[in-house]
Structure formats: C-alpha cells, structure tokens
Amino acid sequence: MNTQERIKLYRKQKNLSQSQMASVIGISQAAYAKIESGVTESMTLVVATGIAKALGEDFNEVFEIEKDNKTIVSLKDEIEELKRRISEKDLLIKSISSQHKYTKDVLIAEVYLFHYNQLVKLREQLENCSNEKVRSTLTEEISRVQKMEKRKYKTYITTGVLEQSDIDDVYSRMSENYEGYLDDLKRFA
C-alpha cells in the first residue's frame, strides 16, 4: 500500500471528509484531493505533519518511516543542518534590517541637514536685514524651504521608501541629543 492509499484508508476509518482534512491541514479541499489521488507526488513537511495530526496517527506510521538508528541519526543530522541554516539566515536578516534602518536614518538626516543649513542662512540674513521688501522675500523663502522639506519626506513616504514613524523616530533622537546623533551617523559613514 502506498502513502496516498494509506492516508485515504486512515481518513475513511476515522470517518473524515476530504474537506475536513483540508481544513485541519490548512489547504484547499482540491489540494488535499490531489494528495490522495497521487497527482501531488511530494508535499511539504508542514502538510505531511498536518495530515498525521488530522488523522490522529503517528507521523512515522502514516508515512511508513522506519525507525532504525540509521534513519533516526540521519534525520537528526538533517534537523541540525536545517537549524544551522536557519540561524545563518536569521543573522543575515538581522544584519540587513540593521543596515536598512541605518540607511533610512542617513536619508532622513541628509534631508534634514540640507534644509536646516538653508534655513539657518536665510534666518541669519533675515535678522541682519532692515529692508522690508527683502525681509518679506526672505520670509517667503524660509516658508518655501520648509515646504520643500515636508514635500521631500512626503514623497519618500508615498513611494514606500520611508514611513512616518521612521521620520518621527529620527527627529525624536535628534531632539534628545543632536550632536551625539550626528556623531553616530558619521561613525557609520
């Protein structure tokens, strides 16, 4: 008796429908029917485990896995190798996430500093100016620079490069310790 026939036999003995099995496993009834009919020649470990669980049977019984020491040692070795590979991937994901966070910080800080420097110059000019027409022009220019900064961030947000929470987080850290924050960015650059 092959695996598909054994699964079908167990299912019928338990008086379960294909739909009930599929629901417990977390797949569609059509996908489950393909497993029983032999159309699906291989399945994931998650699906196989789900089948054994839905049937209330031992995994090794349903899939006729021999329990000799060689098989057990081999499976343990495979599990250890999978754990090692998962650990490596987790470390890589953590590293990429950290780099991504740093890149966002730098992007936000660059936009901020560019506009900040422009605003400082304009405000200095405004303080030292007595001509009302020039003061009015400088005030308009300050407003334009502030709007440009907001538009730049809004563009990054709408394109998915940044989220508002990223910007809020950076501004919060800059307001707490502006010089220390800039030193941290320079250290990674």
Protein backbone atom coordinates (compact mmCIF):
# COMPACT_ATOMS: atom_id res chain seq x y z
CA MET A 1 0.00 0.00 0.00
CA ASN A 2 1.45 3.38 -0.97
CA THR A 3 1.29 6.54 1.14
CA GLN A 4 -1.72 8.03 -0.67
CA GLU A 5 -3.72 4.83 -0.19
CA ARG A 6 -2.73 4.65 3.47
CA ILE A 7 -3.81 8.28 4.05
CA LYS A 8 -7.15 7.62 2.35
CA LEU A 9 -7.68 4.42 4.37
CA TYR A 10 -6.94 6.18 7.68
CA ARG A 11 -9.24 9.07 6.71
CA LYS A 12 -12.12 6.72 5.92
CA GLN A 13 -11.52 4.73 9.12
CA LYS A 14 -11.79 7.99 11.09
CA ASN A 15 -14.93 8.90 9.13
CA LEU A 16 -13.45 12.22 7.98
CA SER A 17 -14.22 14.00 4.72
CA GLN A 18 -11.56 15.40 2.43
CA SER A 19 -12.89 18.85 3.25
CA GLN A 20 -12.44 18.26 6.99
CA MET A 21 -8.89 17.02 6.43
CA ALA A 22 -8.03 20.01 4.26
CA SER A 23 -9.43 22.39 6.85
CA VAL A 24 -7.29 20.93 9.66
CA ILE A 25 -4.19 20.90 7.46
CA GLY A 26 -4.77 24.43 6.20
CA ILE A 27 -5.01 23.68 2.48
CA SER A 28 -7.87 23.63 -0.02
CA GLN A 29 -10.03 20.55 -0.49
CA ALA A 30 -8.83 20.38 -4.11
CA ALA A 31 -5.19 20.35 -3.00
CA TYR A 32 -5.95 17.61 -0.49
CA ALA A 33 -7.77 15.55 -3.15
CA LYS A 34 -4.65 15.75 -5.32
CA ILE A 35 -2.58 14.29 -2.47
CA GLU A 36 -4.94 11.33 -2.04
CA SER A 37 -5.22 10.72 -5.78
CA GLY A 38 -1.44 10.74 -6.24
CA VAL A 39 -1.40 13.82 -8.50
CA THR A 40 0.73 15.56 -5.89
CA GLU A 41 3.87 13.46 -5.69
CA SER A 42 5.59 15.38 -2.92
CA MET A 43 4.41 17.61 -0.11
CA THR A 44 5.94 19.93 2.41
CA LEU A 45 6.78 18.73 5.89
CA VAL A 46 4.13 21.12 7.23
CA VAL A 47 1.41 19.48 5.11
CA ALA A 48 2.62 15.96 5.95
CA THR A 49 2.65 16.78 9.66
CA GLY A 50 -0.83 18.27 9.30
CA ILE A 51 -2.10 15.07 7.69
CA ALA A 52 -0.77 12.94 10.55
CA LYS A 53 -2.26 15.36 13.08
CA ALA A 54 -5.66 15.44 11.33
CA LEU A 55 -5.71 11.64 11.27
CA GLY A 56 -4.60 11.43 14.90
CA GLU A 57 -1.91 8.98 13.87
CA ASP A 58 1.84 8.80 14.40
CA PHE A 59 3.70 10.54 11.59
CA ASN A 60 6.01 7.53 11.14
CA GLU A 61 3.01 5.21 10.78
CA VAL A 62 1.23 7.31 8.18
CA PHE A 63 4.34 7.80 6.08
CA GLU A 64 5.97 4.43 6.93
CA ILE A 65 9.25 5.83 8.15
CA GLU A 66 11.46 3.11 9.50
CA LYS A 67 12.69 3.72 12.98
CA ASP A 68 16.11 2.17 12.74
CA ASN A 69 19.04 4.04 14.28
CA LYS A 70 20.49 4.95 10.90
CA THR A 71 17.29 6.76 9.88
CA ILE A 72 16.99 8.50 13.24
CA VAL A 73 20.62 9.66 13.14
CA SER A 74 20.16 10.81 9.56
CA LEU A 75 17.01 12.77 10.46
CA LYS A 76 18.74 14.33 13.47
CA ASP A 77 21.64 15.38 11.25
CA GLU A 78 19.22 16.92 8.77
CA ILE A 79 17.43 18.75 11.57
CA GLU A 80 20.71 20.11 12.92
CA GLU A 81 21.74 21.24 9.43
CA LEU A 82 18.38 22.96 8.97
CA LYS A 83 18.73 24.68 12.37
CA ARG A 84 22.21 25.88 11.40
CA ARG A 85 20.96 27.23 8.07
CA ILE A 86 18.00 28.95 9.73
CA SER A 87 20.37 30.52 12.26
CA GLU A 88 22.59 31.83 9.44
CA LYS A 89 19.57 33.25 7.61
CA ASP A 90 18.26 34.86 10.82
CA LEU A 91 21.65 36.51 11.32
CA LEU A 92 21.64 37.75 7.72
CA ILE A 93 18.10 39.11 8.08
CA LYS A 94 19.09 40.88 11.30
CA SER A 95 22.14 42.38 9.59
CA ILE A 96 20.13 43.55 6.56
CA SER A 97 17.43 45.01 8.83
CA SER A 98 20.05 46.90 10.81
CA GLN A 99 21.68 48.24 7.63
CA HIS A 100 18.25 49.19 6.25
CA LYS A 101 17.45 51.10 9.46
CA TYR A 102 20.80 52.90 9.27
CA THR A 103 20.20 53.80 5.60
CA LYS A 104 16.81 55.29 6.49
CA ASP A 105 18.40 57.31 9.30
CA VAL A 106 21.06 58.69 6.97
CA LEU A 107 18.49 59.57 4.31
CA ILE A 108 16.31 61.44 6.81
CA ALA A 109 19.30 63.20 8.37
CA GLU A 110 20.63 64.28 4.96
CA VAL A 111 17.29 65.81 4.00
CA TYR A 112 17.01 67.47 7.40
CA LEU A 113 20.56 68.86 7.37
CA PHE A 114 20.28 70.16 3.80
CA HIS A 115 17.14 72.13 4.63
CA TYR A 116 18.36 73.07 8.10
CA ASN A 117 21.52 74.66 6.65
CA GLN A 118 19.45 76.62 4.15
CA LEU A 119 17.11 77.81 6.91
CA VAL A 120 19.98 78.90 9.15
CA LYS A 121 21.45 81.04 6.37
CA LEU A 122 18.08 82.56 5.50
CA ARG A 123 17.26 83.33 9.15
CA GLU A 124 20.67 84.98 9.63
CA GLN A 125 20.03 87.14 6.57
CA LEU A 126 16.56 87.97 7.90
CA GLU A 127 17.96 89.05 11.28
CA ASN A 128 20.53 91.33 9.67
CA CYS A 129 18.16 92.90 7.17
CA SER A 130 16.22 96.10 7.68
CA ASN A 131 14.71 96.42 4.18
CA GLU A 132 11.04 95.35 4.44
CA LYS A 133 10.85 94.15 0.84
CA VAL A 134 13.95 91.94 1.28
CA ARG A 135 12.64 90.73 4.68
CA SER A 136 9.36 89.73 3.02
CA THR A 137 11.23 87.84 0.29
CA LEU A 138 13.40 86.08 2.88
CA THR A 139 10.32 85.10 4.91
CA GLU A 140 8.71 83.65 1.78
CA GLU A 141 11.93 81.77 1.01
CA ILE A 142 12.01 80.31 4.54
CA SER A 143 8.44 79.12 4.09
CA ARG A 144 9.32 77.61 0.69
CA VAL A 145 12.32 75.71 2.14
CA GLN A 146 10.16 74.32 4.97
CA LYS A 147 7.53 73.18 2.46
CA MET A 148 10.24 71.58 0.29
CA GLU A 149 11.47 69.52 3.25
CA LYS A 150 7.92 68.33 4.01
CA ARG A 151 7.33 67.51 0.32
CA LYS A 152 10.57 65.52 0.18
CA TYR A 153 9.53 63.40 3.17
CA LYS A 154 6.01 63.01 1.80
CA THR A 155 7.47 61.73 -1.48
CA TYR A 156 9.58 59.19 0.39
CA ILE A 157 6.54 58.07 2.37
CA THR A 158 4.22 57.73 -0.65
CA THR A 159 6.83 55.78 -2.60
CA GLY A 160 7.37 53.41 0.32
CA VAL A 161 11.00 54.38 0.94
CA LEU A 162 10.15 55.67 4.42
CA GLU A 163 7.31 55.55 6.89
CA GLN A 164 6.18 58.46 9.02
CA SER A 165 7.30 56.52 12.09
CA ASP A 166 10.87 56.43 10.69
CA ILE A 167 10.90 60.20 10.38
CA ASP A 168 9.34 60.70 13.81
CA ASP A 169 11.89 58.33 15.36
CA VAL A 170 14.88 60.15 13.84
CA TYR A 171 13.54 63.59 14.80
CA SER A 172 12.96 62.33 18.33
CA ARG A 173 16.52 61.03 18.62
CA MET A 174 17.93 64.22 17.10
CA SER A 175 15.98 66.39 19.53
CA GLU A 176 17.23 64.36 22.50
CA ASN A 177 20.91 64.58 21.57
CA TYR A 178 21.54 66.33 18.27
CA GLU A 179 25.37 66.28 18.41
CA GLY A 180 25.53 62.67 19.63
CA TYR A 181 23.12 61.58 16.90
CA LEU A 182 25.23 63.23 14.18
CA ASP A 183 28.39 61.65 15.64
CA ASP A 184 26.73 58.22 15.45
CA LEU A 185 25.85 58.77 11.78
CA LYS A 186 29.38 59.93 10.94
CA ARG A 187 30.86 56.88 12.65
CA PHE A 188 28.97 54.53 10.31
CA ALA A 189 29.55 56.57 7.16
